Amino acid sequence: MPSSEDQEFSCFKPLSTVLKSLHTAHRRFGLPWQILCRYQNIWNISLQLRPSFLAAIIMDSDMEEYREKVGGDQRIQVPTKGIYGFNSYLEKLRKQEYMKNELQYLGKFCQVPIEIPRDLRGVLIDKGSLNAMRFLTSVHIEYPEMLEKVSRELWMRIWSRDEDITEPWSIQAAAEEAGFSRKQAMSLLKKSSTEEVKNKLRENTNTAYKYGAFGLPTIVAHMDTKPCVFFSSDRIELLAHLLGEQWQGPVPQALKGKL
């Protein structure tokens, strides 16, 4: 375990020496926290995951409006805009094709099994991940040591098996796959609808928002009381430089052949 002299880090979907990570269950956002998990016993860090709500961060509105919407409706519609402020059919097709290819390349590079969901818009926009994030927040409150496992199972349901993570039965299935008993999973599901959990998720998201997060994952490294903010998986190499640690790629040497 790191000493009190260690540097502190925060990762915001998909936060530490303390490296904290707020994450979401969406596409490439799931890769950075999984990579950081691989390094938690190699680098001098203590990784702490924090669920947060992506839609609230990328919404072009203040947090008061976010609180009202999250409190009553889990489906927040996030408008999509083209590169120049408008949507074109050709632009959408090009983006979709690029995203599919990039995700396949990233999956092989990071040795994470990725299968593009058939209904990509349904996964990213229509269904969202609020129920899953509330459940993960419930897990974090009651069983913080299980957060990584449950997060991975929920991510695998979407991005490896094209399965649902919005319905109670599918969230329960992921929890049981991660190691919870049926009774524990049902208890966590019940807790996920409480004000305690909703408030904690808002708190996590507000924290990311205040650091200037515009998407997930956002990594905040607290060095000498001054936060250094990084975004996405291709900034982990910079994080390693900041830590004074060796970056060995997405699969550290100690884990090669074991994934």
Protein backbone atom coordinates (compact mmCIF):
# COMPACT_ATOMS: atom_id res chain seq x y z
CA MET A 1 0.00 0.00 0.00
CA PRO A 2 1.22 3.53 -0.77
CA SER A 3 2.44 5.68 2.11
CA SER A 4 0.97 9.03 3.13
CA GLU A 5 3.78 10.67 1.17
CA ASP A 6 2.46 9.25 -2.10
CA GLN A 7 0.99 11.56 -4.69
CA GLU A 8 -2.78 11.63 -5.03
CA PHE A 9 -4.66 11.06 -8.25
CA SER A 10 -8.25 11.21 -9.38
CA CYS A 11 -9.77 9.52 -12.43
CA PHE A 12 -13.34 10.51 -13.22
CA LYS A 13 -16.88 6.66 -15.83
CA PRO A 14 -15.93 5.15 -17.82
CA LEU A 15 -10.06 8.31 -9.85
CA SER A 16 -5.02 8.15 -7.28
CA THR A 17 -1.18 7.34 -4.84
CA VAL A 18 -4.48 8.16 -4.44
CA LEU A 19 -5.56 7.61 -8.11
CA LYS A 20 -9.32 8.03 -8.21
CA SER A 21 -11.36 7.23 -11.29
CA LEU A 22 -14.87 8.26 -12.26
CA HIS A 23 -16.00 6.06 -15.08
CA THR A 24 -18.89 5.07 -17.28
CA ALA A 25 -19.78 1.86 -19.04
CA HIS A 26 -19.44 3.36 -22.50
CA ARG A 27 -17.20 2.39 -25.45
CA ARG A 28 -13.48 3.36 -25.31
CA PHE A 29 -14.16 5.02 -21.96
CA GLY A 30 -14.04 1.55 -20.47
CA LEU A 31 -10.47 0.95 -21.58
CA PRO A 32 -8.52 3.49 -19.46
CA TRP A 33 -9.77 2.36 -16.07
CA GLN A 34 -9.17 -1.27 -17.04
CA ILE A 35 -5.60 -0.38 -18.04
CA LEU A 36 -5.10 1.53 -14.78
CA CYS A 37 -6.38 -1.50 -12.88
CA ARG A 38 -3.58 -3.52 -14.48
CA TYR A 39 -1.02 -1.04 -13.16
CA GLN A 40 -2.37 -0.65 -9.64
CA ASN A 41 0.01 -3.29 -8.26
CA ILE A 42 2.91 -2.22 -10.49
CA TRP A 43 2.95 1.54 -10.01
CA ASN A 44 3.09 3.19 -6.62
CA ILE A 45 -0.60 4.09 -6.63
CA SER A 46 -3.83 3.21 -4.87
CA LEU A 47 -6.59 3.12 -7.48
CA GLN A 48 -10.05 4.21 -6.38
CA LEU A 49 -12.92 3.94 -8.86
CA ARG A 50 -15.82 6.41 -8.72
CA PRO A 51 -18.94 5.95 -10.87
CA SER A 52 -20.19 9.13 -12.55
CA PHE A 53 -22.85 10.06 -15.09
CA LEU A 54 -21.54 10.93 -18.55
CA ALA A 55 -24.71 12.52 -19.91
CA ALA A 56 -24.74 15.12 -17.15
CA ILE A 57 -21.14 16.08 -17.85
CA ILE A 58 -21.54 16.57 -21.60
CA MET A 59 -24.89 18.30 -21.38
CA ASP A 60 -24.51 21.96 -22.26
CA SER A 61 -26.32 23.16 -19.14
CA ASP A 62 -25.68 24.00 -15.51
CA MET A 63 -25.72 21.44 -12.72
CA GLU A 64 -29.02 22.62 -11.29
CA GLU A 65 -30.77 21.52 -14.47
CA TYR A 66 -28.85 18.24 -14.26
CA ARG A 67 -30.07 17.61 -10.71
CA GLU A 68 -33.68 18.15 -11.73
CA LYS A 69 -33.46 15.80 -14.70
CA VAL A 70 -31.54 13.01 -13.01
CA GLY A 71 -33.90 13.15 -10.06
CA GLY A 72 -36.90 12.32 -12.21
CA ASP A 73 -35.94 10.85 -15.56
CA GLN A 74 -33.06 8.51 -16.29
CA ARG A 75 -33.15 9.14 -20.05
CA ILE A 76 -31.42 12.42 -20.81
CA GLN A 77 -31.30 13.13 -24.51
CA VAL A 78 -27.89 14.42 -25.54
CA PRO A 79 -27.98 16.17 -28.91
CA THR A 80 -25.34 15.12 -31.39
CA LYS A 81 -23.74 17.73 -33.64
CA GLY A 82 -21.55 17.48 -36.64
CA ILE A 83 -18.00 18.75 -36.72
CA TYR A 84 -19.17 22.14 -37.97
CA GLY A 85 -22.30 22.34 -35.83
CA PHE A 86 -24.60 20.37 -38.13
CA ASN A 87 -25.34 16.75 -38.86
CA SER A 88 -24.92 15.31 -42.32
CA TYR A 89 -25.80 11.78 -43.33
CA LEU A 90 -22.38 11.26 -44.93
CA GLU A 91 -20.59 12.59 -41.86
CA LYS A 92 -22.53 10.20 -39.62
CA LEU A 93 -21.69 7.23 -41.82
CA ARG A 94 -18.00 8.13 -41.83
CA LYS A 95 -17.94 8.54 -38.06
CA GLN A 96 -19.73 5.24 -37.50
CA GLU A 97 -17.37 3.37 -39.79
CA TYR A 98 -14.33 4.99 -38.19
CA MET A 99 -15.58 4.23 -34.67
CA LYS A 100 -16.19 0.57 -35.50
CA ASN A 101 -12.71 0.16 -36.95
CA GLU A 102 -11.02 2.08 -34.15
CA LEU A 103 -12.74 0.05 -31.44
CA GLN A 104 -11.65 -3.19 -33.07
CA TYR A 105 -8.05 -1.95 -33.23
CA LEU A 106 -8.17 -0.71 -29.63
CA GLY A 107 -9.60 -4.00 -28.40
CA LYS A 108 -6.75 -6.00 -29.93
CA PHE A 109 -4.12 -3.50 -28.81
CA CYS A 110 -5.37 -3.47 -25.21
CA GLN A 111 -6.26 -7.18 -25.18
CA VAL A 112 -9.84 -6.39 -24.20
CA PRO A 113 -12.59 -8.28 -26.07
CA ILE A 114 -14.80 -5.79 -27.91
CA GLU A 115 -17.90 -6.49 -29.96
CA ILE A 116 -19.67 -3.45 -31.43
CA PRO A 117 -23.33 -3.32 -30.25
CA ARG A 118 -25.80 -3.74 -33.09
CA ASP A 119 -27.82 -0.76 -31.90
CA LEU A 120 -25.00 1.65 -31.11
CA ARG A 121 -27.23 4.70 -30.76
CA GLY A 122 -29.57 2.79 -28.48
CA VAL A 123 -26.66 1.90 -26.20
CA LEU A 124 -25.02 5.33 -26.16
CA ILE A 125 -27.99 7.69 -26.30
CA ASP A 126 -31.43 6.15 -25.93
CA LYS A 127 -30.81 3.75 -23.04
CA GLY A 128 -27.84 5.40 -21.39
CA SER A 129 -26.12 4.11 -18.28
CA LEU A 130 -27.80 5.88 -15.36
CA ASN A 131 -29.25 2.71 -13.80
CA ALA A 132 -25.87 1.00 -14.05
CA MET A 133 -24.06 4.00 -12.56
CA ARG A 134 -26.51 4.13 -9.67
CA PHE A 135 -25.97 0.43 -9.05
CA LEU A 136 -22.19 0.87 -9.12
CA THR A 137 -22.54 3.75 -6.69
CA SER A 138 -24.53 1.44 -4.42
CA VAL A 139 -21.74 -1.14 -4.70
CA HIS A 140 -19.15 1.51 -3.91
CA ILE A 141 -21.00 2.49 -0.74
CA GLU A 142 -21.60 -1.05 0.54
CA TYR A 143 -18.79 -3.14 -0.99
CA PRO A 144 -16.05 -0.83 -2.35
CA GLU A 145 -13.69 -3.78 -2.83
CA MET A 146 -16.13 -5.21 -5.42
CA LEU A 147 -16.49 -2.10 -7.55
CA GLU A 148 -13.82 -3.05 -10.07
CA LYS A 149 -15.28 -6.53 -10.67
CA VAL A 150 -18.86 -5.33 -11.08
CA SER A 151 -17.75 -2.45 -13.32
CA ARG A 152 -15.94 -4.89 -15.56
CA GLU A 153 -18.93 -7.25 -15.76
CA LEU A 154 -21.28 -4.42 -16.74
CA TRP A 155 -18.80 -3.17 -19.34
CA MET A 156 -18.40 -6.68 -20.75
CA ARG A 157 -22.16 -7.05 -21.10
CA ILE A 158 -22.32 -4.08 -23.47
CA TRP A 159 -19.01 -4.09 -25.27
CA SER A 160 -18.14 -7.77 -25.42
CA ARG A 161 -21.54 -9.49 -25.57
CA ASP A 162 -23.96 -6.77 -26.74
CA GLU A 163 -26.22 -7.31 -23.72
CA ASP A 164 -28.41 -4.95 -21.73
CA ILE A 165 -27.31 -3.07 -18.58
CA THR A 166 -30.43 -0.98 -17.98
CA GLU A 167 -32.96 -3.55 -16.74
CA PRO A 168 -32.82 -4.77 -13.13
CA TRP A 169 -32.47 -8.41 -14.17
CA SER A 170 -29.43 -7.69 -16.35
CA ILE A 171 -27.73 -5.62 -13.66
CA GLN A 172 -28.42 -8.40 -11.16
CA ALA A 173 -26.91 -10.93 -13.56
CA ALA A 174 -23.73 -8.85 -13.83
CA ALA A 175 -23.52 -8.53 -10.04
CA GLU A 176 -23.89 -12.28 -9.55
CA GLU A 177 -21.28 -12.94 -12.24
CA ALA A 178 -18.93 -10.65 -10.32
CA GLY A 179 -19.37 -12.73 -7.17
CA PHE A 180 -22.40 -11.40 -5.32
CA SER A 181 -25.12 -13.72 -4.09
CA ARG A 182 -28.64 -13.23 -5.44
CA LYS A 183 -29.73 -11.80 -2.10
CA GLN A 184 -26.85 -9.31 -2.06
CA ALA A 185 -27.49 -8.26 -5.67
CA MET A 186 -31.19 -7.67 -5.01
CA SER A 187 -30.36 -5.67 -1.89
CA LEU A 188 -27.96 -3.48 -3.87
CA LEU A 189 -30.58 -2.98 -6.59
CA LYS A 190 -33.04 -1.80 -3.98
CA LYS A 191 -30.48 0.56 -2.49
CA SER A 192 -29.62 2.02 -5.90
CA SER A 193 -32.98 3.81 -6.02
CA THR A 194 -32.47 5.55 -2.66
CA GLU A 195 -31.68 9.23 -2.21
CA GLU A 196 -28.38 8.31 -0.58
CA VAL A 197 -27.15 6.67 -3.79
CA LYS A 198 -28.57 9.36 -6.08
CA ASN A 199 -26.92 12.07 -4.03
CA LYS A 200 -23.58 10.24 -4.03
CA LEU A 201 -23.67 9.85 -7.82
CA ARG A 202 -24.47 13.54 -8.17
CA GLU A 203 -21.57 14.33 -5.84
CA ASN A 204 -19.15 12.25 -7.92
CA THR A 205 -20.37 13.84 -11.15
CA ASN A 206 -20.27 17.34 -9.68
CA THR A 207 -16.68 16.74 -8.62
CA ALA A 208 -15.69 15.74 -12.15
CA TYR A 209 -17.60 18.72 -13.53
CA LYS A 210 -15.84 21.14 -11.19
CA TYR A 211 -12.46 19.86 -12.35
CA GLY A 212 -13.48 20.84 -15.86
CA ALA A 213 -14.40 17.38 -17.17
CA PHE A 214 -16.08 17.46 -20.59
CA GLY A 215 -16.19 13.69 -21.05
CA LEU A 216 -15.08 10.45 -19.46
CA PRO A 217 -12.66 9.22 -18.40
CA THR A 218 -11.08 12.30 -16.91
CA ILE A 219 -7.99 11.68 -14.80
CA VAL A 220 -7.02 14.28 -12.22
CA ALA A 221 -3.55 13.88 -10.77
CA HIS A 222 -3.03 15.83 -7.55
CA MET A 223 0.65 16.71 -7.46
CA ASP A 224 1.92 19.20 -4.88
CA THR A 225 -1.69 20.33 -4.30
CA LYS A 226 -2.02 21.37 -7.95
CA PRO A 227 -4.40 19.17 -9.99
CA CYS A 228 -3.23 18.00 -13.41
CA VAL A 229 -6.10 16.96 -15.67
CA PHE A 230 -5.91 14.31 -18.41
CA PHE A 231 -8.59 12.89 -20.68
CA SER A 232 -8.95 9.46 -22.30
CA SER A 233 -6.77 6.38 -22.58
CA ASP A 234 -4.08 7.90 -24.80
CA ARG A 235 -2.96 10.14 -21.92
CA ILE A 236 -1.93 7.35 -19.55
CA GLU A 237 1.61 7.56 -20.93
CA LEU A 238 1.71 11.19 -19.79
CA LEU A 239 0.38 10.12 -16.40
CA ALA A 240 3.23 7.62 -16.09
CA HIS A 241 5.72 10.38 -16.89
CA LEU A 242 4.16 12.59 -14.23
CA LEU A 243 4.37 9.74 -11.71
CA GLY A 244 7.94 8.92 -12.60
CA GLU A 245 6.79 5.39 -13.43
CA GLN A 246 7.53 3.21 -16.44
CA TRP A 247 4.82 2.94 -19.07
CA GLN A 248 4.84 -0.59 -20.51
CA GLY A 249 1.89 -0.19 -22.84
CA PRO A 250 -1.71 -1.29 -22.18
CA VAL A 251 -0.53 -4.75 -21.10
CA PRO A 252 2.32 -4.56 -18.54
CA GLN A 253 5.08 -7.14 -18.90
CA ALA A 254 4.02 -8.86 -15.64
CA LEU A 255 0.56 -9.57 -17.09
CA LYS A 256 1.50 -10.70 -20.58
CA GLY A 257 0.17 -14.16 -21.28
CA LYS A 258 -2.21 -13.96 -18.30
CA LEU A 259 -5.07 -11.97 -19.84
